[in-house]
Protein backbone atom coordinates (compact mmCIF):
# COMPACT_ATOMS: atom_id res chain seq x y z
CA UNK A 1 0.00 0.00 0.00
CA UNK A 2 1.28 3.50 -0.74
CA UNK A 3 0.16 4.58 2.75
CA UNK A 4 2.41 2.05 4.47
CA UNK A 5 5.99 2.57 5.47
CA UNK A 6 8.55 0.47 7.26
CA UNK A 7 9.79 1.24 10.76
CA UNK A 8 13.58 1.57 10.84
CA UNK A 9 15.40 -1.29 12.62
CA UNK A 10 12.33 -3.50 13.35
CA UNK A 11 11.06 -3.31 9.76
CA UNK A 12 7.51 -3.48 11.07
CA UNK A 13 4.95 -2.05 8.61
CA UNK A 14 3.19 1.08 9.80
CA UNK A 15 0.36 3.24 8.54
CA UNK A 16 1.70 6.48 7.10
CA UNK A 17 -1.06 8.72 5.72
CA UNK A 18 0.54 11.96 6.92
CA UNK A 19 4.00 12.98 5.79
CA UNK A 20 6.86 13.02 8.24
CA UNK A 21 7.72 16.52 6.99
CA UNK A 22 4.28 17.77 8.01
CA UNK A 23 4.42 16.08 11.43
CA UNK A 24 7.94 17.44 12.06
CA UNK A 25 6.85 20.98 11.13
CA UNK A 26 3.84 20.78 13.45
CA UNK A 27 6.01 19.37 16.23
CA UNK A 28 8.62 22.12 15.76
CA UNK A 29 5.92 24.79 16.08
CA UNK A 30 4.47 23.14 19.20
CA UNK A 31 7.96 22.78 20.65
CA UNK A 32 8.72 26.48 20.19
CA UNK A 33 5.43 27.38 21.84
CA UNK A 34 6.26 25.00 24.71
CA UNK A 35 9.69 26.62 25.12
CA UNK A 36 8.18 30.11 25.44
CA UNK A 37 5.61 29.05 28.05
CA UNK A 38 7.75 26.76 30.19
CA UNK A 39 10.35 27.53 32.82
CA UNK A 40 13.61 26.19 31.42
CA UNK A 41 17.07 25.83 32.88
CA UNK A 42 19.32 27.47 30.31
CA UNK A 43 22.78 26.62 31.64
CA UNK A 44 24.60 24.39 34.07
CA UNK A 45 25.97 20.90 34.45
CA UNK A 46 22.60 19.11 34.22
CA UNK A 47 21.74 20.72 30.88
CA UNK A 48 25.27 20.07 29.63
CA UNK A 49 24.92 16.39 30.56
CA UNK A 50 21.64 16.14 28.64
CA UNK A 51 23.18 17.77 25.58
CA UNK A 52 26.27 15.52 25.75
CA UNK A 53 24.14 12.38 25.97
CA UNK A 54 21.97 13.64 23.13
CA UNK A 55 24.93 14.42 20.87
CA UNK A 56 26.35 10.92 21.46
CA UNK A 57 22.99 9.39 20.59
CA UNK A 58 22.69 11.51 17.44
CA UNK A 59 26.04 10.15 16.27
CA UNK A 60 25.21 6.58 17.34
CA UNK A 61 21.89 6.53 15.46
CA UNK A 62 23.43 7.96 12.28
CA UNK A 63 26.41 5.60 12.52
CA UNK A 64 24.13 2.60 13.01
CA UNK A 65 22.18 3.31 9.83
CA UNK A 66 25.32 4.15 7.88
CA UNK A 67 26.89 0.84 8.93
CA UNK A 68 23.72 -0.98 7.87
CA UNK A 69 23.83 0.74 4.46
CA UNK A 70 20.40 2.23 5.18
CA UNK A 71 19.05 5.74 5.00
CA UNK A 72 19.32 7.61 8.30
CA UNK A 73 15.75 8.42 9.44
CA UNK A 74 17.15 11.28 11.56
CA UNK A 75 19.00 13.04 8.74
CA UNK A 76 16.44 15.87 8.67
CA UNK A 77 16.02 16.15 12.43
CA UNK A 78 16.65 19.52 14.03
CA UNK A 79 17.95 18.10 17.30
CA UNK A 80 17.41 20.30 20.33
CA UNK A 81 17.52 19.66 24.07
CA UNK A 82 15.84 21.52 26.92
CA UNK A 83 15.82 21.01 30.66
CA UNK A 84 12.44 21.82 32.18
CA UNK A 85 12.57 23.26 35.69
CA UNK A 86 9.87 21.10 37.28
CA UNK A 87 10.39 19.01 40.41
CA UNK A 88 6.88 17.54 40.39
CA UNK A 89 6.69 15.81 37.02
CA UNK A 90 8.87 12.78 36.38
CA UNK A 91 9.07 12.89 32.60
CA UNK A 92 11.12 13.19 29.45
CA UNK A 93 9.97 13.18 25.84
CA UNK A 94 11.17 13.48 22.28
CA UNK A 95 8.96 15.13 19.70
CA UNK A 96 9.14 14.19 16.04
CA UNK A 97 12.17 15.77 14.48
CA UNK A 98 14.37 15.38 17.56
CA UNK A 99 13.00 18.00 19.97
CA UNK A 100 13.81 16.62 23.42
CA UNK A 101 12.70 17.77 26.87
CA UNK A 102 13.91 16.39 30.18
CA UNK A 103 12.23 17.42 33.43
CA UNK A 104 14.44 18.05 36.46
CA UNK A 105 12.41 15.64 38.59
CA UNK A 106 13.40 12.67 36.42
CA UNK A 107 17.06 13.35 37.14
CA UNK A 108 16.57 12.06 40.69
CA UNK A 109 14.84 8.92 39.41
CA UNK A 110 17.51 8.13 36.80
CA UNK A 111 20.26 8.58 39.44
CA UNK A 112 23.19 8.89 36.99
CA UNK A 113 24.29 9.42 33.39
CA UNK A 114 23.58 5.81 32.42
CA UNK A 115 20.01 5.95 33.75
CA UNK A 116 19.39 9.29 32.04
CA UNK A 117 20.83 7.93 28.78
CA UNK A 118 18.48 4.94 28.96
CA UNK A 119 15.45 7.22 29.35
CA UNK A 120 16.59 9.57 26.58
CA UNK A 121 17.37 6.63 24.29
CA UNK A 122 13.88 5.26 24.83
CA UNK A 123 12.31 8.61 23.95
CA UNK A 124 14.54 9.09 20.91
CA UNK A 125 13.58 5.60 19.69
CA UNK A 126 9.95 6.75 19.45
CA UNK A 127 11.01 9.55 17.10
CA UNK A 128 13.30 7.29 15.05
CA UNK A 129 10.44 4.77 14.69
CA UNK A 130 8.11 7.61 13.59
CA UNK A 131 5.43 6.66 16.10
CA UNK A 132 3.85 10.14 15.85
CA UNK A 133 3.34 9.73 12.11
CA UNK A 134 1.66 6.41 12.77
CA UNK A 135 -0.60 7.80 15.54
CA UNK A 136 -1.63 10.81 13.47
CA UNK A 137 -2.33 8.56 10.48
CA UNK A 138 -4.53 6.31 12.62
CA UNK A 139 -6.44 9.39 13.76
CA UNK A 140 -7.06 10.42 10.15
CA UNK A 141 -8.22 6.90 9.28
CA UNK A 142 -10.58 6.72 12.26
CA UNK A 143 -12.02 10.17 11.56
CA UNK A 144 -12.54 9.35 7.87
CA UNK A 145 -14.19 6.03 8.71
CA UNK A 146 -16.45 7.80 11.20
CA UNK A 147 -17.48 10.41 8.62
CA UNK A 148 -18.18 7.82 5.90
CA UNK A 149 -20.22 5.72 8.32
CA UNK A 150 -22.17 8.82 9.35
CA UNK A 151 -22.93 9.60 5.70
CA UNK A 152 -23.97 6.00 4.96
CA UNK A 153 -26.30 5.95 7.98
CA UNK A 154 -27.94 9.21 7.00
CA UNK A 155 -26.30 11.17 9.79
CA UNK A 156 -27.35 8.82 12.60
CA UNK A 157 -23.99 9.10 14.36
CA UNK A 158 -24.12 12.90 14.28
CA UNK A 159 -27.64 12.80 15.65
CA UNK A 160 -26.56 10.57 18.54
CA UNK A 161 -23.64 12.89 19.27
CA UNK A 162 -25.99 15.90 19.41
CA UNK A 163 -28.28 14.09 21.84
CA UNK A 164 -25.47 12.77 24.06
CA UNK A 165 -22.98 15.61 24.55
CA UNK A 166 -19.65 14.73 26.08
CA UNK A 167 -19.45 11.29 24.53
C-alpha atoms as a PDB file:
ATOM      1  CA  UNK A   1       0.000   0.000   0.000  1.00  0.00           C
ATOM      2  CA  UNK A   2       1.281   3.503  -0.738  1.00  0.00           C
ATOM      3  CA  UNK A   3       0.155   4.576   2.746  1.00  0.00           C
ATOM      4  CA  UNK A   4       2.406   2.048   4.469  1.00  0.00           C
ATOM      5  CA  UNK A   5       5.990   2.570   5.465  1.00  0.00           C
ATOM      6  CA  UNK A   6       8.549   0.472   7.263  1.00  0.00           C
ATOM      7  CA  UNK A   7       9.793   1.237  10.757  1.00  0.00           C
ATOM      8  CA  UNK A   8      13.580   1.566  10.837  1.00  0.00           C
ATOM      9  CA  UNK A   9      15.400  -1.288  12.623  1.00  0.00           C
ATOM     10  CA  UNK A  10      12.334  -3.502  13.350  1.00  0.00           C
ATOM     11  CA  UNK A  11      11.064  -3.307   9.760  1.00  0.00           C
ATOM     12  CA  UNK A  12       7.510  -3.483  11.065  1.00  0.00           C
ATOM     13  CA  UNK A  13       4.951  -2.054   8.615  1.00  0.00           C
ATOM     14  CA  UNK A  14       3.188   1.081   9.805  1.00  0.00           C
ATOM     15  CA  UNK A  15       0.358   3.238   8.541  1.00  0.00           C
ATOM     16  CA  UNK A  16       1.699   6.479   7.097  1.00  0.00           C
ATOM     17  CA  UNK A  17      -1.055   8.719   5.722  1.00  0.00           C
ATOM     18  CA  UNK A  18       0.538  11.962   6.924  1.00  0.00           C
ATOM     19  CA  UNK A  19       3.998  12.978   5.786  1.00  0.00           C
ATOM     20  CA  UNK A  20       6.856  13.021   8.239  1.00  0.00           C
ATOM     21  CA  UNK A  21       7.724  16.517   6.994  1.00  0.00           C
ATOM     22  CA  UNK A  22       4.275  17.768   8.010  1.00  0.00           C
ATOM     23  CA  UNK A  23       4.423  16.085  11.427  1.00  0.00           C
ATOM     24  CA  UNK A  24       7.935  17.441  12.059  1.00  0.00           C
ATOM     25  CA  UNK A  25       6.849  20.983  11.131  1.00  0.00           C
ATOM     26  CA  UNK A  26       3.841  20.778  13.454  1.00  0.00           C
ATOM     27  CA  UNK A  27       6.013  19.367  16.231  1.00  0.00           C
ATOM     28  CA  UNK A  28       8.621  22.118  15.765  1.00  0.00           C
ATOM     29  CA  UNK A  29       5.924  24.788  16.083  1.00  0.00           C
ATOM     30  CA  UNK A  30       4.470  23.138  19.203  1.00  0.00           C
ATOM     31  CA  UNK A  31       7.959  22.781  20.655  1.00  0.00           C
ATOM     32  CA  UNK A  32       8.722  26.480  20.187  1.00  0.00           C
ATOM     33  CA  UNK A  33       5.426  27.384  21.841  1.00  0.00           C
ATOM     34  CA  UNK A  34       6.264  25.002  24.712  1.00  0.00           C
ATOM     35  CA  UNK A  35       9.693  26.622  25.122  1.00  0.00           C
ATOM     36  CA  UNK A  36       8.183  30.106  25.440  1.00  0.00           C
ATOM     37  CA  UNK A  37       5.608  29.050  28.048  1.00  0.00           C
ATOM     38  CA  UNK A  38       7.749  26.765  30.195  1.00  0.00           C
ATOM     39  CA  UNK A  39      10.355  27.532  32.822  1.00  0.00           C
ATOM     40  CA  UNK A  40      13.615  26.195  31.417  1.00  0.00           C
ATOM     41  CA  UNK A  41      17.068  25.832  32.879  1.00  0.00           C
ATOM     42  CA  UNK A  42      19.316  27.466  30.307  1.00  0.00           C
ATOM     43  CA  UNK A  43      22.782  26.616  31.639  1.00  0.00           C
ATOM     44  CA  UNK A  44      24.598  24.386  34.075  1.00  0.00           C
ATOM     45  CA  UNK A  45      25.968  20.897  34.450  1.00  0.00           C
ATOM     46  CA  UNK A  46      22.597  19.111  34.217  1.00  0.00           C
ATOM     47  CA  UNK A  47      21.741  20.716  30.877  1.00  0.00           C
ATOM     48  CA  UNK A  48      25.274  20.066  29.627  1.00  0.00           C
ATOM     49  CA  UNK A  49      24.921  16.392  30.559  1.00  0.00           C
ATOM     50  CA  UNK A  50      21.638  16.137  28.645  1.00  0.00           C
ATOM     51  CA  UNK A  51      23.177  17.769  25.583  1.00  0.00           C
ATOM     52  CA  UNK A  52      26.272  15.521  25.747  1.00  0.00           C
ATOM     53  CA  UNK A  53      24.141  12.383  25.972  1.00  0.00           C
ATOM     54  CA  UNK A  54      21.975  13.636  23.129  1.00  0.00           C
ATOM     55  CA  UNK A  55      24.932  14.417  20.871  1.00  0.00           C
ATOM     56  CA  UNK A  56      26.350  10.921  21.461  1.00  0.00           C
ATOM     57  CA  UNK A  57      22.989   9.392  20.589  1.00  0.00           C
ATOM     58  CA  UNK A  58      22.688  11.507  17.437  1.00  0.00           C
ATOM     59  CA  UNK A  59      26.044  10.149  16.270  1.00  0.00           C
ATOM     60  CA  UNK A  60      25.205   6.583  17.340  1.00  0.00           C
ATOM     61  CA  UNK A  61      21.892   6.532  15.459  1.00  0.00           C
ATOM     62  CA  UNK A  62      23.430   7.956  12.277  1.00  0.00           C
ATOM     63  CA  UNK A  63      26.406   5.599  12.515  1.00  0.00           C
ATOM     64  CA  UNK A  64      24.126   2.597  13.009  1.00  0.00           C
ATOM     65  CA  UNK A  65      22.178   3.307   9.833  1.00  0.00           C
ATOM     66  CA  UNK A  66      25.321   4.152   7.885  1.00  0.00           C
ATOM     67  CA  UNK A  67      26.894   0.837   8.934  1.00  0.00           C
ATOM     68  CA  UNK A  68      23.724  -0.982   7.869  1.00  0.00           C
ATOM     69  CA  UNK A  69      23.830   0.742   4.464  1.00  0.00           C
ATOM     70  CA  UNK A  70      20.397   2.228   5.178  1.00  0.00           C
ATOM     71  CA  UNK A  71      19.054   5.744   4.998  1.00  0.00           C
ATOM     72  CA  UNK A  72      19.321   7.612   8.304  1.00  0.00           C
ATOM     73  CA  UNK A  73      15.748   8.425   9.441  1.00  0.00           C
ATOM     74  CA  UNK A  74      17.155  11.282  11.558  1.00  0.00           C
ATOM     75  CA  UNK A  75      19.002  13.044   8.736  1.00  0.00           C
ATOM     76  CA  UNK A  76      16.436  15.872   8.671  1.00  0.00           C
ATOM     77  CA  UNK A  77      16.019  16.150  12.432  1.00  0.00           C
ATOM     78  CA  UNK A  78      16.654  19.523  14.025  1.00  0.00           C
ATOM     79  CA  UNK A  79      17.949  18.098  17.298  1.00  0.00           C
ATOM     80  CA  UNK A  80      17.407  20.303  20.334  1.00  0.00           C
ATOM     81  CA  UNK A  81      17.518  19.663  24.070  1.00  0.00           C
ATOM     82  CA  UNK A  82      15.844  21.525  26.924  1.00  0.00           C
ATOM     83  CA  UNK A  83      15.821  21.009  30.663  1.00  0.00           C
ATOM     84  CA  UNK A  84      12.439  21.822  32.176  1.00  0.00           C
ATOM     85  CA  UNK A  85      12.570  23.263  35.689  1.00  0.00           C
ATOM     86  CA  UNK A  86       9.872  21.099  37.279  1.00  0.00           C
ATOM     87  CA  UNK A  87      10.393  19.009  40.413  1.00  0.00           C
ATOM     88  CA  UNK A  88       6.885  17.538  40.391  1.00  0.00           C
ATOM     89  CA  UNK A  89       6.686  15.814  37.016  1.00  0.00           C
ATOM     90  CA  UNK A  90       8.867  12.777  36.377  1.00  0.00           C
ATOM     91  CA  UNK A  91       9.068  12.894  32.597  1.00  0.00           C
ATOM     92  CA  UNK A  92      11.118  13.187  29.448  1.00  0.00           C
ATOM     93  CA  UNK A  93       9.967  13.179  25.842  1.00  0.00           C
ATOM     94  CA  UNK A  94      11.166  13.480  22.282  1.00  0.00           C
ATOM     95  CA  UNK A  95       8.955  15.130  19.704  1.00  0.00           C
ATOM     96  CA  UNK A  96       9.135  14.187  16.044  1.00  0.00           C
ATOM     97  CA  UNK A  97      12.169  15.771  14.478  1.00  0.00           C
ATOM     98  CA  UNK A  98      14.368  15.383  17.560  1.00  0.00           C
ATOM     99  CA  UNK A  99      13.003  17.996  19.974  1.00  0.00           C
ATOM    100  CA  UNK A 100      13.807  16.622  23.424  1.00  0.00           C
ATOM    101  CA  UNK A 101      12.695  17.766  26.866  1.00  0.00           C
ATOM    102  CA  UNK A 102      13.913  16.392  30.179  1.00  0.00           C
ATOM    103  CA  UNK A 103      12.231  17.421  33.432  1.00  0.00           C
ATOM    104  CA  UNK A 104      14.438  18.052  36.457  1.00  0.00           C
ATOM    105  CA  UNK A 105      12.409  15.637  38.591  1.00  0.00           C
ATOM    106  CA  UNK A 106      13.396  12.668  36.422  1.00  0.00           C
ATOM    107  CA  UNK A 107      17.062  13.348  37.139  1.00  0.00           C
ATOM    108  CA  UNK A 108      16.565  12.061  40.688  1.00  0.00           C
ATOM    109  CA  UNK A 109      14.839   8.918  39.408  1.00  0.00           C
ATOM    110  CA  UNK A 110      17.508   8.128  36.800  1.00  0.00           C
ATOM    111  CA  UNK A 111      20.255   8.577  39.444  1.00  0.00           C
ATOM    112  CA  UNK A 112      23.188   8.886  36.992  1.00  0.00           C
ATOM    113  CA  UNK A 113      24.288   9.418  33.393  1.00  0.00           C
ATOM    114  CA  UNK A 114      23.578   5.814  32.420  1.00  0.00           C
ATOM    115  CA  UNK A 115      20.015   5.949  33.747  1.00  0.00           C
ATOM    116  CA  UNK A 116      19.388   9.290  32.040  1.00  0.00           C
ATOM    117  CA  UNK A 117      20.835   7.932  28.781  1.00  0.00           C
ATOM    118  CA  UNK A 118      18.478   4.942  28.960  1.00  0.00           C
ATOM    119  CA  UNK A 119      15.454   7.224  29.349  1.00  0.00           C
ATOM    120  CA  UNK A 120      16.593   9.565  26.579  1.00  0.00           C
ATOM    121  CA  UNK A 121      17.374   6.628  24.290  1.00  0.00           C
ATOM    122  CA  UNK A 122      13.880   5.261  24.828  1.00  0.00           C
ATOM    123  CA  UNK A 123      12.308   8.605  23.948  1.00  0.00           C
ATOM    124  CA  UNK A 124      14.544   9.093  20.909  1.00  0.00           C
ATOM    125  CA  UNK A 125      13.583   5.604  19.693  1.00  0.00           C
ATOM    126  CA  UNK A 126       9.954   6.753  19.449  1.00  0.00           C
ATOM    127  CA  UNK A 127      11.008   9.554  17.095  1.00  0.00           C
ATOM    128  CA  UNK A 128      13.295   7.289  15.050  1.00  0.00           C
ATOM    129  CA  UNK A 129      10.438   4.772  14.688  1.00  0.00           C
ATOM    130  CA  UNK A 130       8.113   7.608  13.589  1.00  0.00           C
ATOM    131  CA  UNK A 131       5.426   6.663  16.099  1.00  0.00           C
ATOM    132  CA  UNK A 132       3.853  10.140  15.850  1.00  0.00           C
ATOM    133  CA  UNK A 133       3.344   9.732  12.106  1.00  0.00           C
ATOM    134  CA  UNK A 134       1.662   6.410  12.773  1.00  0.00           C
ATOM    135  CA  UNK A 135      -0.596   7.797  15.542  1.00  0.00           C
ATOM    136  CA  UNK A 136      -1.629  10.808  13.472  1.00  0.00           C
ATOM    137  CA  UNK A 137      -2.331   8.557  10.483  1.00  0.00           C
ATOM    138  CA  UNK A 138      -4.531   6.305  12.620  1.00  0.00           C
ATOM    139  CA  UNK A 139      -6.444   9.386  13.756  1.00  0.00           C
ATOM    140  CA  UNK A 140      -7.057  10.416  10.148  1.00  0.00           C
ATOM    141  CA  UNK A 141      -8.220   6.901   9.281  1.00  0.00           C
ATOM    142  CA  UNK A 142     -10.580   6.717  12.262  1.00  0.00           C
ATOM    143  CA  UNK A 143     -12.019  10.166  11.560  1.00  0.00           C
ATOM    144  CA  UNK A 144     -12.538   9.349   7.871  1.00  0.00           C
ATOM    145  CA  UNK A 145     -14.190   6.026   8.707  1.00  0.00           C
ATOM    146  CA  UNK A 146     -16.446   7.803  11.203  1.00  0.00           C
ATOM    147  CA  UNK A 147     -17.481  10.408   8.615  1.00  0.00           C
ATOM    148  CA  UNK A 148     -18.183   7.818   5.897  1.00  0.00           C
ATOM    149  CA  UNK A 149     -20.221   5.718   8.321  1.00  0.00           C
ATOM    150  CA  UNK A 150     -22.166   8.820   9.347  1.00  0.00           C
ATOM    151  CA  UNK A 151     -22.928   9.603   5.697  1.00  0.00           C
ATOM    152  CA  UNK A 152     -23.970   5.996   4.958  1.00  0.00           C
ATOM    153  CA  UNK A 153     -26.297   5.952   7.976  1.00  0.00           C
ATOM    154  CA  UNK A 154     -27.940   9.213   7.002  1.00  0.00           C
ATOM    155  CA  UNK A 155     -26.299  11.169   9.790  1.00  0.00           C
ATOM    156  CA  UNK A 156     -27.345   8.821  12.598  1.00  0.00           C
ATOM    157  CA  UNK A 157     -23.990   9.102  14.362  1.00  0.00           C
ATOM    158  CA  UNK A 158     -24.117  12.900  14.284  1.00  0.00           C
ATOM    159  CA  UNK A 159     -27.643  12.800  15.653  1.00  0.00           C
ATOM    160  CA  UNK A 160     -26.562  10.570  18.536  1.00  0.00           C
ATOM    161  CA  UNK A 161     -23.641  12.887  19.269  1.00  0.00           C
ATOM    162  CA  UNK A 162     -25.989  15.898  19.410  1.00  0.00           C
ATOM    163  CA  UNK A 163     -28.275  14.092  21.842  1.00  0.00           C
ATOM    164  CA  UNK A 164     -25.467  12.774  24.058  1.00  0.00           C
ATOM    165  CA  UNK A 165     -22.982  15.609  24.547  1.00  0.00           C
ATOM    166  CA  UNK A 166     -19.649  14.733  26.082  1.00  0.00           C
ATOM    167  CA  UNK A 167     -19.448  11.291  24.534  1.00  0.00           C
END
